[in-house]
Amino acid sequence: MKTVKFVYKSEDAMKKMHDFYDRTLASLNVSYSESYFDTSFGKTHCLMIGDENKPKICSIHGGNGITTLNLKLFLPLLSRYCIIAPDVIGMPGKSEPYRNISSKKDEYGLWIKEVLEHFDVEKISFAVSSYSASMMLSFAKQYPKMVDRSLLLVPSGIAHGPYLPMISKMIVPFVKYFFKPSKDTLDAVIETLGGESDDIWREFFDLMMSSYKMELKAPKEYHREELAGLDAPLFIVASGNDIFFPADRVFSRSKEIFKSHITLVEIDSKHLPSQETMDDICAQTIEFFEKDR
């Protein structure tokens, strides 16, 4: 029988994360509805953000991330779209707090399909970033005709950076902070990731690194034959300064594994783009999603 572990240090730690979720959701000042429903992997909490009469897109937060701050990045998309935004099971948020979805086994694709089926979605565009790009590619591998168009921002699932810098600059500080939080360790992580000037992101990194048992396994990377059925246009945005998924490697391999039309844009950013950069990316995304409609 598969053993799954509670992903927080304690029930109190989970409550603190939920309180952060509620505060940051309220701070977005947007209309929303909430759903909480069963999937094959446990209960999933999902937000429907914005005007539900607008075209719907799906956005999923990155690994060890949280829906409300993911929405903060993609907020400009609400001018044109309503966003379906599920909390990933086993990660910060209000879905099942047990890590029982396997990237290696392509289970994220099935989970996404079940989320979309809950809302009677037959085909949809995605705005995903970091780890959730690999989740979307799992979905695209299994259900390619359900993908309309997609933004893949600083994406996983394609190519990763050198492991040694990731281990020394991110994984070791993450583990160290979990057991003994310190300002210097937090500063070092934020310096590497980005988000230095944003107090909300700083608060989240502190909470995530001190109270939550992070997913440290790398997301799955995909091959051309696995994505042979995907013919949806892809807008791929990456940065040369991203320690996880650097632009040169991502762009080079994108040309190898995708047979569909791809648009490649490089940004001057770390793994976490600034809000100013995100405003520009969102404007380009709307143009990309609407092209030739």
C-alpha atoms as a PDB file:
ATOM      1  CA  MET A   1       0.000   0.000   0.000  1.00  0.00           C
ATOM      2  CA  LYS A   2       1.296   3.435  -0.933  1.00  0.00           C
ATOM      3  CA  THR A   3       2.391   5.531   2.059  1.00  0.00           C
ATOM      4  CA  VAL A   4       1.737   9.253   1.941  1.00  0.00           C
ATOM      5  CA  LYS A   5       2.915  11.834   4.427  1.00  0.00           C
ATOM      6  CA  PHE A   6       1.312  14.949   5.861  1.00  0.00           C
ATOM      7  CA  VAL A   7       3.108  17.848   4.162  1.00  0.00           C
ATOM      8  CA  TYR A   8       3.196  20.287   7.087  1.00  0.00           C
ATOM      9  CA  LYS A   9       5.201  20.274  10.300  1.00  0.00           C
ATOM     10  CA  SER A  10       1.943  20.326  12.264  1.00  0.00           C
ATOM     11  CA  GLU A  11      -1.760  21.125  12.103  1.00  0.00           C
ATOM     12  CA  ASP A  12      -0.913  24.602  13.373  1.00  0.00           C
ATOM     13  CA  ALA A  13       1.522  25.089  10.481  1.00  0.00           C
ATOM     14  CA  MET A  14      -1.244  24.158   8.042  1.00  0.00           C
ATOM     15  CA  LYS A  15      -3.581  26.657   9.697  1.00  0.00           C
ATOM     16  CA  LYS A  16      -0.972  29.404   9.276  1.00  0.00           C
ATOM     17  CA  MET A  17      -0.689  28.566   5.562  1.00  0.00           C
ATOM     18  CA  HIS A  18      -4.480  28.655   5.189  1.00  0.00           C
ATOM     19  CA  ASP A  19      -4.606  32.007   6.979  1.00  0.00           C
ATOM     20  CA  PHE A  20      -1.970  33.336   4.553  1.00  0.00           C
ATOM     21  CA  TYR A  21      -4.032  31.959   1.666  1.00  0.00           C
ATOM     22  CA  ASP A  22      -7.175  33.765   2.861  1.00  0.00           C
ATOM     23  CA  ARG A  23      -5.380  37.080   3.444  1.00  0.00           C
ATOM     24  CA  THR A  24      -3.612  37.094   0.092  1.00  0.00           C
ATOM     25  CA  LEU A  25      -6.765  36.029  -1.757  1.00  0.00           C
ATOM     26  CA  ALA A  26      -8.657  38.932  -0.180  1.00  0.00           C
ATOM     27  CA  SER A  27      -5.841  41.325  -1.122  1.00  0.00           C
ATOM     28  CA  LEU A  28      -6.303  40.515  -4.831  1.00  0.00           C
ATOM     29  CA  ASN A  29      -9.668  42.286  -4.653  1.00  0.00           C
ATOM     30  CA  VAL A  30     -11.243  40.100  -7.351  1.00  0.00           C
ATOM     31  CA  SER A  31     -14.520  38.216  -7.573  1.00  0.00           C
ATOM     32  CA  TYR A  32     -14.262  34.459  -7.146  1.00  0.00           C
ATOM     33  CA  SER A  33     -16.103  31.273  -6.327  1.00  0.00           C
ATOM     34  CA  GLU A  34     -14.715  28.191  -4.575  1.00  0.00           C
ATOM     35  CA  SER A  35     -15.183  24.475  -5.216  1.00  0.00           C
ATOM     36  CA  TYR A  36     -14.026  21.474  -3.177  1.00  0.00           C
ATOM     37  CA  PHE A  37     -14.446  18.112  -4.863  1.00  0.00           C
ATOM     38  CA  ASP A  38     -13.149  14.547  -5.028  1.00  0.00           C
ATOM     39  CA  THR A  39     -10.497  13.353  -7.483  1.00  0.00           C
ATOM     40  CA  SER A  40      -8.648  10.060  -7.804  1.00  0.00           C
ATOM     41  CA  PHE A  41      -5.878  11.567  -5.642  1.00  0.00           C
ATOM     42  CA  GLY A  42      -7.981  13.150  -2.924  1.00  0.00           C
ATOM     43  CA  LYS A  43      -9.964  16.312  -2.303  1.00  0.00           C
ATOM     44  CA  THR A  44      -9.115  19.261  -4.539  1.00  0.00           C
ATOM     45  CA  HIS A  45      -9.829  22.890  -3.694  1.00  0.00           C
ATOM     46  CA  CYS A  46     -10.231  25.161  -6.706  1.00  0.00           C
ATOM     47  CA  LEU A  47     -10.909  28.836  -7.311  1.00  0.00           C
ATOM     48  CA  MET A  48     -12.804  30.298 -10.248  1.00  0.00           C
ATOM     49  CA  ILE A  49     -11.452  33.847 -10.538  1.00  0.00           C
ATOM     50  CA  GLY A  50     -13.066  36.772 -12.321  1.00  0.00           C
ATOM     51  CA  ASP A  51     -16.093  37.122 -14.594  1.00  0.00           C
ATOM     52  CA  GLU A  52     -17.395  33.628 -15.313  1.00  0.00           C
ATOM     53  CA  ASN A  53     -18.998  34.880 -18.539  1.00  0.00           C
ATOM     54  CA  LYS A  54     -15.552  35.477 -20.043  1.00  0.00           C
ATOM     55  CA  PRO A  55     -13.570  32.712 -21.805  1.00  0.00           C
ATOM     56  CA  LYS A  56     -11.981  30.361 -19.292  1.00  0.00           C
ATOM     57  CA  ILE A  57      -8.299  29.499 -19.028  1.00  0.00           C
ATOM     58  CA  CYS A  58      -6.518  27.292 -16.487  1.00  0.00           C
ATOM     59  CA  SER A  59      -3.589  28.430 -14.351  1.00  0.00           C
ATOM     60  CA  ILE A  60      -1.823  26.133 -11.877  1.00  0.00           C
ATOM     61  CA  HIS A  61       0.698  27.301  -9.302  1.00  0.00           C
ATOM     62  CA  GLY A  62       4.298  26.059  -9.400  1.00  0.00           C
ATOM     63  CA  GLY A  63       5.959  23.467  -7.210  1.00  0.00           C
ATOM     64  CA  ASN A  64       5.797  24.325  -3.489  1.00  0.00           C
ATOM     65  CA  GLY A  65       3.892  27.435  -4.554  1.00  0.00           C
ATOM     66  CA  ILE A  66       0.429  28.691  -3.721  1.00  0.00           C
ATOM     67  CA  THR A  67      -2.565  29.648  -5.854  1.00  0.00           C
ATOM     68  CA  THR A  68      -3.069  33.142  -4.489  1.00  0.00           C
ATOM     69  CA  LEU A  69       0.462  34.319  -5.328  1.00  0.00           C
ATOM     70  CA  ASN A  70       0.304  32.591  -8.704  1.00  0.00           C
ATOM     71  CA  LEU A  71      -2.837  34.617  -9.387  1.00  0.00           C
ATOM     72  CA  LYS A  72      -1.023  37.759  -8.251  1.00  0.00           C
ATOM     73  CA  LEU A  73       1.420  37.211 -11.129  1.00  0.00           C
ATOM     74  CA  PHE A  74      -1.278  36.532 -13.721  1.00  0.00           C
ATOM     75  CA  LEU A  75      -3.846  39.069 -12.516  1.00  0.00           C
ATOM     76  CA  PRO A  76      -3.739  41.145 -15.763  1.00  0.00           C
ATOM     77  CA  LEU A  77      -5.175  38.147 -17.649  1.00  0.00           C
ATOM     78  CA  LEU A  78      -8.498  38.761 -15.882  1.00  0.00           C
ATOM     79  CA  SER A  79      -9.135  41.679 -18.241  1.00  0.00           C
ATOM     80  CA  ARG A  80      -9.938  39.080 -20.889  1.00  0.00           C
ATOM     81  CA  TYR A  81     -10.381  35.732 -19.121  1.00  0.00           C
ATOM     82  CA  CYS A  82     -11.874  33.885 -16.184  1.00  0.00           C
ATOM     83  CA  ILE A  83      -9.224  31.714 -14.511  1.00  0.00           C
ATOM     84  CA  ILE A  84      -9.717  28.177 -13.191  1.00  0.00           C
ATOM     85  CA  ALA A  85      -7.050  27.863 -10.490  1.00  0.00           C
ATOM     86  CA  PRO A  86      -6.780  24.576  -8.559  1.00  0.00           C
ATOM     87  CA  ASP A  87      -4.608  24.073  -5.481  1.00  0.00           C
ATOM     88  CA  VAL A  88      -2.212  21.222  -6.235  1.00  0.00           C
ATOM     89  CA  ILE A  89      -2.725  18.235  -3.951  1.00  0.00           C
ATOM     90  CA  GLY A  90       0.192  17.819  -1.532  1.00  0.00           C
ATOM     91  CA  MET A  91       1.409  21.403  -1.906  1.00  0.00           C
ATOM     92  CA  PRO A  92       0.589  24.668  -0.063  1.00  0.00           C
ATOM     93  CA  GLY A  93      -3.093  25.516  -0.329  1.00  0.00           C
ATOM     94  CA  LYS A  94      -6.389  23.938   0.653  1.00  0.00           C
ATOM     95  CA  SER A  95      -6.366  20.683  -1.301  1.00  0.00           C
ATOM     96  CA  GLU A  96      -5.531  17.329   0.285  1.00  0.00           C
ATOM     97  CA  PRO A  97      -2.374  17.892   2.431  1.00  0.00           C
ATOM     98  CA  TYR A  98      -0.798  14.595   1.412  1.00  0.00           C
ATOM     99  CA  ARG A  99       1.689  14.152  -1.458  1.00  0.00           C
ATOM    100  CA  ASN A 100       0.230  11.274  -3.455  1.00  0.00           C
ATOM    101  CA  ILE A 101       0.493  12.398  -7.104  1.00  0.00           C
ATOM    102  CA  SER A 102       3.506  11.089  -9.008  1.00  0.00           C
ATOM    103  CA  SER A 103       5.177  13.208 -11.683  1.00  0.00           C
ATOM    104  CA  LYS A 104       7.172  10.167 -12.814  1.00  0.00           C
ATOM    105  CA  LYS A 105       3.966   8.178 -13.443  1.00  0.00           C
ATOM    106  CA  ASP A 106       2.272  11.055 -15.333  1.00  0.00           C
ATOM    107  CA  GLU A 107      -0.465  11.272 -12.720  1.00  0.00           C
ATOM    108  CA  TYR A 108      -0.667  15.076 -12.865  1.00  0.00           C
ATOM    109  CA  GLY A 109      -2.248  14.786 -16.305  1.00  0.00           C
ATOM    110  CA  LEU A 110      -5.104  12.682 -14.959  1.00  0.00           C
ATOM    111  CA  TRP A 111      -5.582  15.009 -11.987  1.00  0.00           C
ATOM    112  CA  ILE A 112      -5.836  18.057 -14.289  1.00  0.00           C
ATOM    113  CA  LYS A 113      -8.347  16.228 -16.497  1.00  0.00           C
ATOM    114  CA  GLU A 114     -10.519  15.470 -13.472  1.00  0.00           C
ATOM    115  CA  VAL A 115     -10.349  19.118 -12.375  1.00  0.00           C
ATOM    116  CA  LEU A 116     -11.439  20.297 -15.830  1.00  0.00           C
ATOM    117  CA  GLU A 117     -14.185  17.665 -16.038  1.00  0.00           C
ATOM    118  CA  HIS A 118     -15.617  19.060 -12.801  1.00  0.00           C
ATOM    119  CA  PHE A 119     -16.220  22.315 -14.708  1.00  0.00           C
ATOM    120  CA  ASP A 120     -17.395  20.561 -17.912  1.00  0.00           C
ATOM    121  CA  VAL A 121     -14.378  21.842 -19.858  1.00  0.00           C
ATOM    122  CA  GLU A 122     -13.653  20.090 -23.167  1.00  0.00           C
ATOM    123  CA  LYS A 123     -10.777  22.288 -24.402  1.00  0.00           C
ATOM    124  CA  ILE A 124      -8.872  25.104 -22.711  1.00  0.00           C
ATOM    125  CA  SER A 125      -5.772  27.296 -22.783  1.00  0.00           C
ATOM    126  CA  PHE A 126      -3.219  27.216 -19.966  1.00  0.00           C
ATOM    127  CA  ALA A 127      -1.034  29.778 -18.219  1.00  0.00           C
ATOM    128  CA  VAL A 128       1.496  27.766 -16.224  1.00  0.00           C
ATOM    129  CA  SER A 129       4.928  28.359 -14.759  1.00  0.00           C
ATOM    130  CA  SER A 130       7.845  26.440 -13.279  1.00  0.00           C
ATOM    131  CA  TYR A 131       6.796  22.988 -11.997  1.00  0.00           C
ATOM    132  CA  SER A 132       3.227  23.358 -13.297  1.00  0.00           C
ATOM    133  CA  ALA A 133       4.539  23.456 -16.888  1.00  0.00           C
ATOM    134  CA  SER A 134       5.551  19.812 -16.424  1.00  0.00           C
ATOM    135  CA  MET A 135       2.098  19.115 -14.974  1.00  0.00           C
ATOM    136  CA  MET A 136       0.504  20.639 -18.073  1.00  0.00           C
ATOM    137  CA  LEU A 137       2.778  18.604 -20.364  1.00  0.00           C
ATOM    138  CA  SER A 138       1.646  15.463 -18.528  1.00  0.00           C
ATOM    139  CA  PHE A 139      -1.901  16.485 -19.400  1.00  0.00           C
ATOM    140  CA  ALA A 140      -0.922  17.346 -22.989  1.00  0.00           C
ATOM    141  CA  LYS A 141       0.731  13.954 -23.433  1.00  0.00           C
ATOM    142  CA  GLN A 142      -2.437  12.109 -22.428  1.00  0.00           C
ATOM    143  CA  TYR A 143      -5.157  14.485 -23.630  1.00  0.00           C
ATOM    144  CA  PRO A 144      -3.555  16.629 -26.383  1.00  0.00           C
ATOM    145  CA  LYS A 145      -6.823  17.577 -28.064  1.00  0.00           C
ATOM    146  CA  MET A 146      -8.031  19.254 -24.859  1.00  0.00           C
ATOM    147  CA  VAL A 147      -5.192  21.824 -25.053  1.00  0.00           C
ATOM    148  CA  ASP A 148      -5.995  25.011 -26.952  1.00  0.00           C
ATOM    149  CA  ARG A 149      -2.961  27.294 -26.460  1.00  0.00           C
ATOM    150  CA  SER A 150      -0.502  27.637 -23.610  1.00  0.00           C
ATOM    151  CA  LEU A 151       1.868  30.029 -21.917  1.00  0.00           C
ATOM    152  CA  LEU A 152       4.807  28.162 -20.373  1.00  0.00           C
ATOM    153  CA  LEU A 153       6.665  30.599 -18.106  1.00  0.00           C
ATOM    154  CA  VAL A 154      10.141  29.674 -16.752  1.00  0.00           C
ATOM    155  CA  PRO A 155       8.985  26.150 -17.539  1.00  0.00           C
ATOM    156  CA  SER A 156       9.924  22.766 -16.167  1.00  0.00           C
ATOM    157  CA  GLY A 157       9.327  19.618 -18.186  1.00  0.00           C
ATOM    158  CA  ILE A 158      11.657  20.652 -21.017  1.00  0.00           C
ATOM    159  CA  ALA A 159      15.235  21.124 -19.736  1.00  0.00           C
ATOM    160  CA  HIS A 160      16.844  21.942 -16.389  1.00  0.00           C
ATOM    161  CA  GLY A 161      19.947  23.834 -15.346  1.00  0.00           C
ATOM    162  CA  PRO A 162      23.089  22.301 -13.792  1.00  0.00           C
ATOM    163  CA  TYR A 163      22.258  20.366 -10.636  1.00  0.00           C
ATOM    164  CA  LEU A 164      25.192  21.499  -8.481  1.00  0.00           C
ATOM    165  CA  PRO A 165      24.150  25.202  -8.246  1.00  0.00           C
ATOM    166  CA  MET A 166      20.556  24.144  -7.537  1.00  0.00           C
ATOM    167  CA  ILE A 167      21.708  21.912  -4.694  1.00  0.00           C
ATOM    168  CA  SER A 168      24.135  24.406  -3.161  1.00  0.00           C
ATOM    169  CA  LYS A 169      22.066  27.575  -3.591  1.00  0.00           C
ATOM    170  CA  MET A 170      18.538  26.228  -3.110  1.00  0.00           C
ATOM    171  CA  ILE A 171      18.075  22.709  -1.755  1.00  0.00           C
ATOM    172  CA  VAL A 172      20.659  22.917   1.034  1.00  0.00           C
ATOM    173  CA  PRO A 173      19.358  26.334   2.267  1.00  0.00           C
ATOM    174  CA  PHE A 174      15.765  25.034   2.063  1.00  0.00           C
ATOM    175  CA  VAL A 175      16.559  22.079   4.304  1.00  0.00           C
ATOM    176  CA  LYS A 176      18.678  24.206   6.638  1.00  0.00           C
ATOM    177  CA  TYR A 177      15.892  26.767   7.049  1.00  0.00           C
ATOM    178  CA  PHE A 178      13.289  24.103   7.773  1.00  0.00           C
ATOM    179  CA  PHE A 179      15.200  23.009  10.860  1.00  0.00           C
ATOM    180  CA  LYS A 180      16.733  26.355  11.868  1.00  0.00           C
ATOM    181  CA  PRO A 181      15.243  29.484  10.272  1.00  0.00           C
ATOM    182  CA  SER A 182      17.524  32.499   9.945  1.00  0.00           C
ATOM    183  CA  LYS A 183      17.349  35.842   8.166  1.00  0.00           C
ATOM    184  CA  ASP A 184      20.626  35.224   6.320  1.00  0.00           C
ATOM    185  CA  THR A 185      19.427  31.914   4.872  1.00  0.00           C
ATOM    186  CA  LEU A 186      16.107  33.430   3.822  1.00  0.00           C
ATOM    187  CA  ASP A 187      17.880  36.400   2.213  1.00  0.00           C
ATOM    188  CA  ALA A 188      20.146  34.055   0.247  1.00  0.00           C
ATOM    189  CA  VAL A 189      17.222  32.047  -1.128  1.00  0.00           C
ATOM    190  CA  ILE A 190      15.243  35.143  -2.101  1.00  0.00           C
ATOM    191  CA  GLU A 191      18.324  36.626  -3.765  1.00  0.00           C
ATOM    192  CA  THR A 192      18.583  33.517  -5.935  1.00  0.00           C
ATOM    193  CA  LEU A 193      14.860  33.140  -6.687  1.00  0.00           C
ATOM    194  CA  GLY A 194      13.841  36.784  -7.044  1.00  0.00           C
ATOM    195  CA  GLY A 195      11.120  38.742  -5.271  1.00  0.00           C
ATOM    196  CA  GLU A 196      13.516  40.734  -3.078  1.00  0.00           C
ATOM    197  CA  SER A 197      11.365  43.872  -2.969  1.00  0.00           C
ATOM    198  CA  ASP A 198       8.020  42.157  -2.317  1.00  0.00           C
ATOM    199  CA  ASP A 199       7.105  41.668   1.351  1.00  0.00           C
ATOM    200  CA  ILE A 200       4.285  39.257   0.508  1.00  0.00           C
ATOM    201  CA  TRP A 201       6.610  36.890  -1.350  1.00  0.00           C
ATOM    202  CA  ARG A 202       9.109  37.159   1.515  1.00  0.00           C
ATOM    203  CA  GLU A 203       6.418  36.197   4.015  1.00  0.00           C
ATOM    204  CA  PHE A 204       5.432  33.222   1.878  1.00  0.00           C
ATOM    205  CA  PHE A 205       9.008  31.971   1.458  1.00  0.00           C
ATOM    206  CA  ASP A 206       9.465  32.168   5.236  1.00  0.00           C
ATOM    207  CA  LEU A 207       6.244  30.242   5.870  1.00  0.00           C
ATOM    208  CA  MET A 208       6.856  27.704   3.117  1.00  0.00           C
ATOM    209  CA  MET A 209      10.460  26.975   4.106  1.00  0.00           C
ATOM    210  CA  SER A 210       9.843  26.808   7.866  1.00  0.00           C
ATOM    211  CA  SER A 211       6.474  25.053   8.139  1.00  0.00           C
ATOM    212  CA  TYR A 212       6.004  22.893   5.045  1.00  0.00           C
ATOM    213  CA  LYS A 213       7.825  19.743   3.898  1.00  0.00           C
ATOM    214  CA  MET A 214       8.816  20.767   0.386  1.00  0.00           C
ATOM    215  CA  GLU A 215       8.662  18.647  -2.745  1.00  0.00           C
ATOM    216  CA  LEU A 216      12.337  18.305  -3.677  1.00  0.00           C
ATOM    217  CA  LYS A 217      11.977  15.714  -6.442  1.00  0.00           C
ATOM    218  CA  ALA A 218      12.572  17.132  -9.913  1.00  0.00           C
ATOM    219  CA  PRO A 219       9.556  17.353 -12.242  1.00  0.00           C
ATOM    220  CA  LYS A 220       9.439  14.982 -15.197  1.00  0.00           C
ATOM    221  CA  GLU A 221      10.965  16.072 -18.510  1.00  0.00           C
ATOM    222  CA  TYR A 222       9.260  15.056 -21.751  1.00  0.00           C
ATOM    223  CA  HIS A 223      10.426  13.665 -25.075  1.00  0.00           C
ATOM    224  CA  ARG A 224       9.224  14.362 -28.610  1.00  0.00           C
ATOM    225  CA  GLU A 225       7.497  11.004 -29.013  1.00  0.00           C
ATOM    226  CA  GLU A 226       5.503  11.567 -25.814  1.00  0.00           C
ATOM    227  CA  LEU A 227       4.151  14.879 -27.139  1.00  0.00           C
ATOM    228  CA  ALA A 228       3.527  13.718 -30.727  1.00  0.00           C
ATOM    229  CA  GLY A 229      -0.207  14.337 -30.400  1.00  0.00           C
ATOM    230  CA  LEU A 230       0.171  17.938 -29.208  1.00  0.00           C
ATOM    231  CA  ASP A 231      -0.448  20.444 -32.000  1.00  0.00           C
ATOM    232  CA  ALA A 232      -1.465  23.449 -29.871  1.00  0.00           C
ATOM    233  CA  PRO A 233       0.624  26.657 -30.203  1.00  0.00           C
ATOM    234  CA  LEU A 234       2.948  27.290 -27.266  1.00  0.00           C
ATOM    235  CA  PHE A 235       4.279  30.607 -25.914  1.00  0.00           C
ATOM    236  CA  ILE A 236       7.483  29.750 -24.044  1.00  0.00           C
ATOM    237  CA  VAL A 237       9.047  32.450 -21.833  1.00  0.00           C
ATOM    238  CA  ALA A 238      12.337  31.827 -20.039  1.00  0.00           C
ATOM    239  CA  SER A 239      15.282  33.665 -18.500  1.00  0.00           C
ATOM    240  CA  GLY A 240      19.009  33.166 -18.821  1.00  0.00           C
ATOM    241  CA  ASN A 241      19.306  34.013 -15.103  1.00  0.00           C
ATOM    242  CA  ASP A 242      16.910  31.287 -13.964  1.00  0.00           C
ATOM    243  CA  ILE A 243      18.831  28.803 -11.827  1.00  0.00           C
ATOM    244  CA  PHE A 244      16.263  26.046 -12.422  1.00  0.00           C
ATOM    245  CA  PHE A 245      15.303  26.238 -16.109  1.00  0.00           C
ATOM    246  CA  PRO A 246      17.683  28.580 -17.999  1.00  0.00           C
ATOM    247  CA  ALA A 247      16.549  29.996 -21.327  1.00  0.00           C
ATOM    248  CA  ASP A 248      19.351  28.609 -23.502  1.00  0.00           C
ATOM    249  CA  ARG A 249      18.656  25.023 -22.484  1.00  0.00           C
ATOM    250  CA  VAL A 250      14.875  25.415 -22.508  1.00  0.00           C
ATOM    251  CA  PHE A 251      14.779  27.034 -25.952  1.00  0.00           C
ATOM    252  CA  SER A 252      17.209  24.581 -27.519  1.00  0.00           C
ATOM    253  CA  ARG A 253      15.300  21.532 -26.350  1.00  0.00           C
ATOM    254  CA  SER A 254      11.899  23.098 -27.093  1.00  0.00           C
ATOM    255  CA  LYS A 255      12.846  23.079 -30.762  1.00  0.00           C
ATOM    256  CA  GLU A 256      13.561  19.364 -30.483  1.00  0.00           C
ATOM    257  CA  ILE A 257      10.524  18.094 -28.571  1.00  0.00           C
ATOM    258  CA  PHE A 258       7.594  20.166 -29.830  1.00  0.00           C
ATOM    259  CA  LYS A 259       6.202  19.648 -33.306  1.00  0.00           C
ATOM    260  CA  SER A 260       3.581  22.377 -32.805  1.00  0.00           C
ATOM    261  CA  HIS A 261       4.265  26.074 -33.427  1.00  0.00           C
ATOM    262  CA  ILE A 262       6.319  27.622 -30.625  1.00  0.00           C
ATOM    263  CA  THR A 263       7.004  31.278 -29.833  1.00  0.00           C
ATOM    264  CA  LEU A 264      10.128  31.837 -27.728  1.00  0.00           C
ATOM    265  CA  VAL A 265      10.689  34.965 -25.636  1.00  0.00           C
ATOM    266  CA  GLU A 266      13.615  35.582 -23.294  1.00  0.00           C
ATOM    267  CA  ILE A 267      13.168  37.855 -20.286  1.00  0.00           C
ATOM    268  CA  ASP A 268      15.713  39.522 -18.004  1.00  0.00           C
ATOM    269  CA  SER A 269      14.676  37.955 -14.719  1.00  0.00           C
ATOM    270  CA  LYS A 270      15.404  35.372 -12.084  1.00  0.00           C
ATOM    271  CA  HIS A 271      13.087  32.419 -11.540  1.00  0.00           C
ATOM    272  CA  LEU A 272      10.430  34.728 -10.105  1.00  0.00           C
ATOM    273  CA  PRO A 273       9.748  37.621 -12.518  1.00  0.00           C
ATOM    274  CA  SER A 274       8.918  41.087 -11.206  1.00  0.00           C
ATOM    275  CA  GLN A 275       5.330  42.325 -11.444  1.00  0.00           C
ATOM    276  CA  GLU A 276       6.418  44.815 -14.112  1.00  0.00           C
ATOM    277  CA  THR A 277       7.798  41.955 -16.195  1.00  0.00           C
ATOM    278  CA  MET A 278       4.641  39.934 -15.562  1.00  0.00           C
ATOM    279  CA  ASP A 279       2.448  42.795 -16.774  1.00  0.00           C
ATOM    280  CA  ASP A 280       4.319  42.693 -20.083  1.00  0.00           C
ATOM    281  CA  ILE A 281       4.197  38.892 -20.289  1.00  0.00           C
ATOM    282  CA  CYS A 282       0.448  38.916 -19.638  1.00  0.00           C
ATOM    283  CA  ALA A 283      -0.114  41.489 -22.385  1.00  0.00           C
ATOM    284  CA  GLN A 284       1.859  39.328 -24.812  1.00  0.00           C
ATOM    285  CA  THR A 285      -0.036  36.240 -23.644  1.00  0.00           C
ATOM    286  CA  ILE A 286      -3.417  37.810 -24.384  1.00  0.00           C
ATOM    287  CA  GLU A 287      -2.176  38.750 -27.849  1.00  0.00           C
ATOM    288  CA  PHE A 288      -0.872  35.202 -28.355  1.00  0.00           C
ATOM    289  CA  PHE A 289      -4.114  33.581 -27.165  1.00  0.00           C
ATOM    290  CA  GLU A 290      -6.224  35.855 -29.388  1.00  0.00           C
ATOM    291  CA  LYS A 291      -4.096  35.680 -32.552  1.00  0.00           C
ATOM    292  CA  ASP A 292      -6.016  34.556 -35.655  1.00  0.00           C
ATOM    293  CA  ARG A 293      -9.235  33.981 -33.710  1.00  0.00           C
END
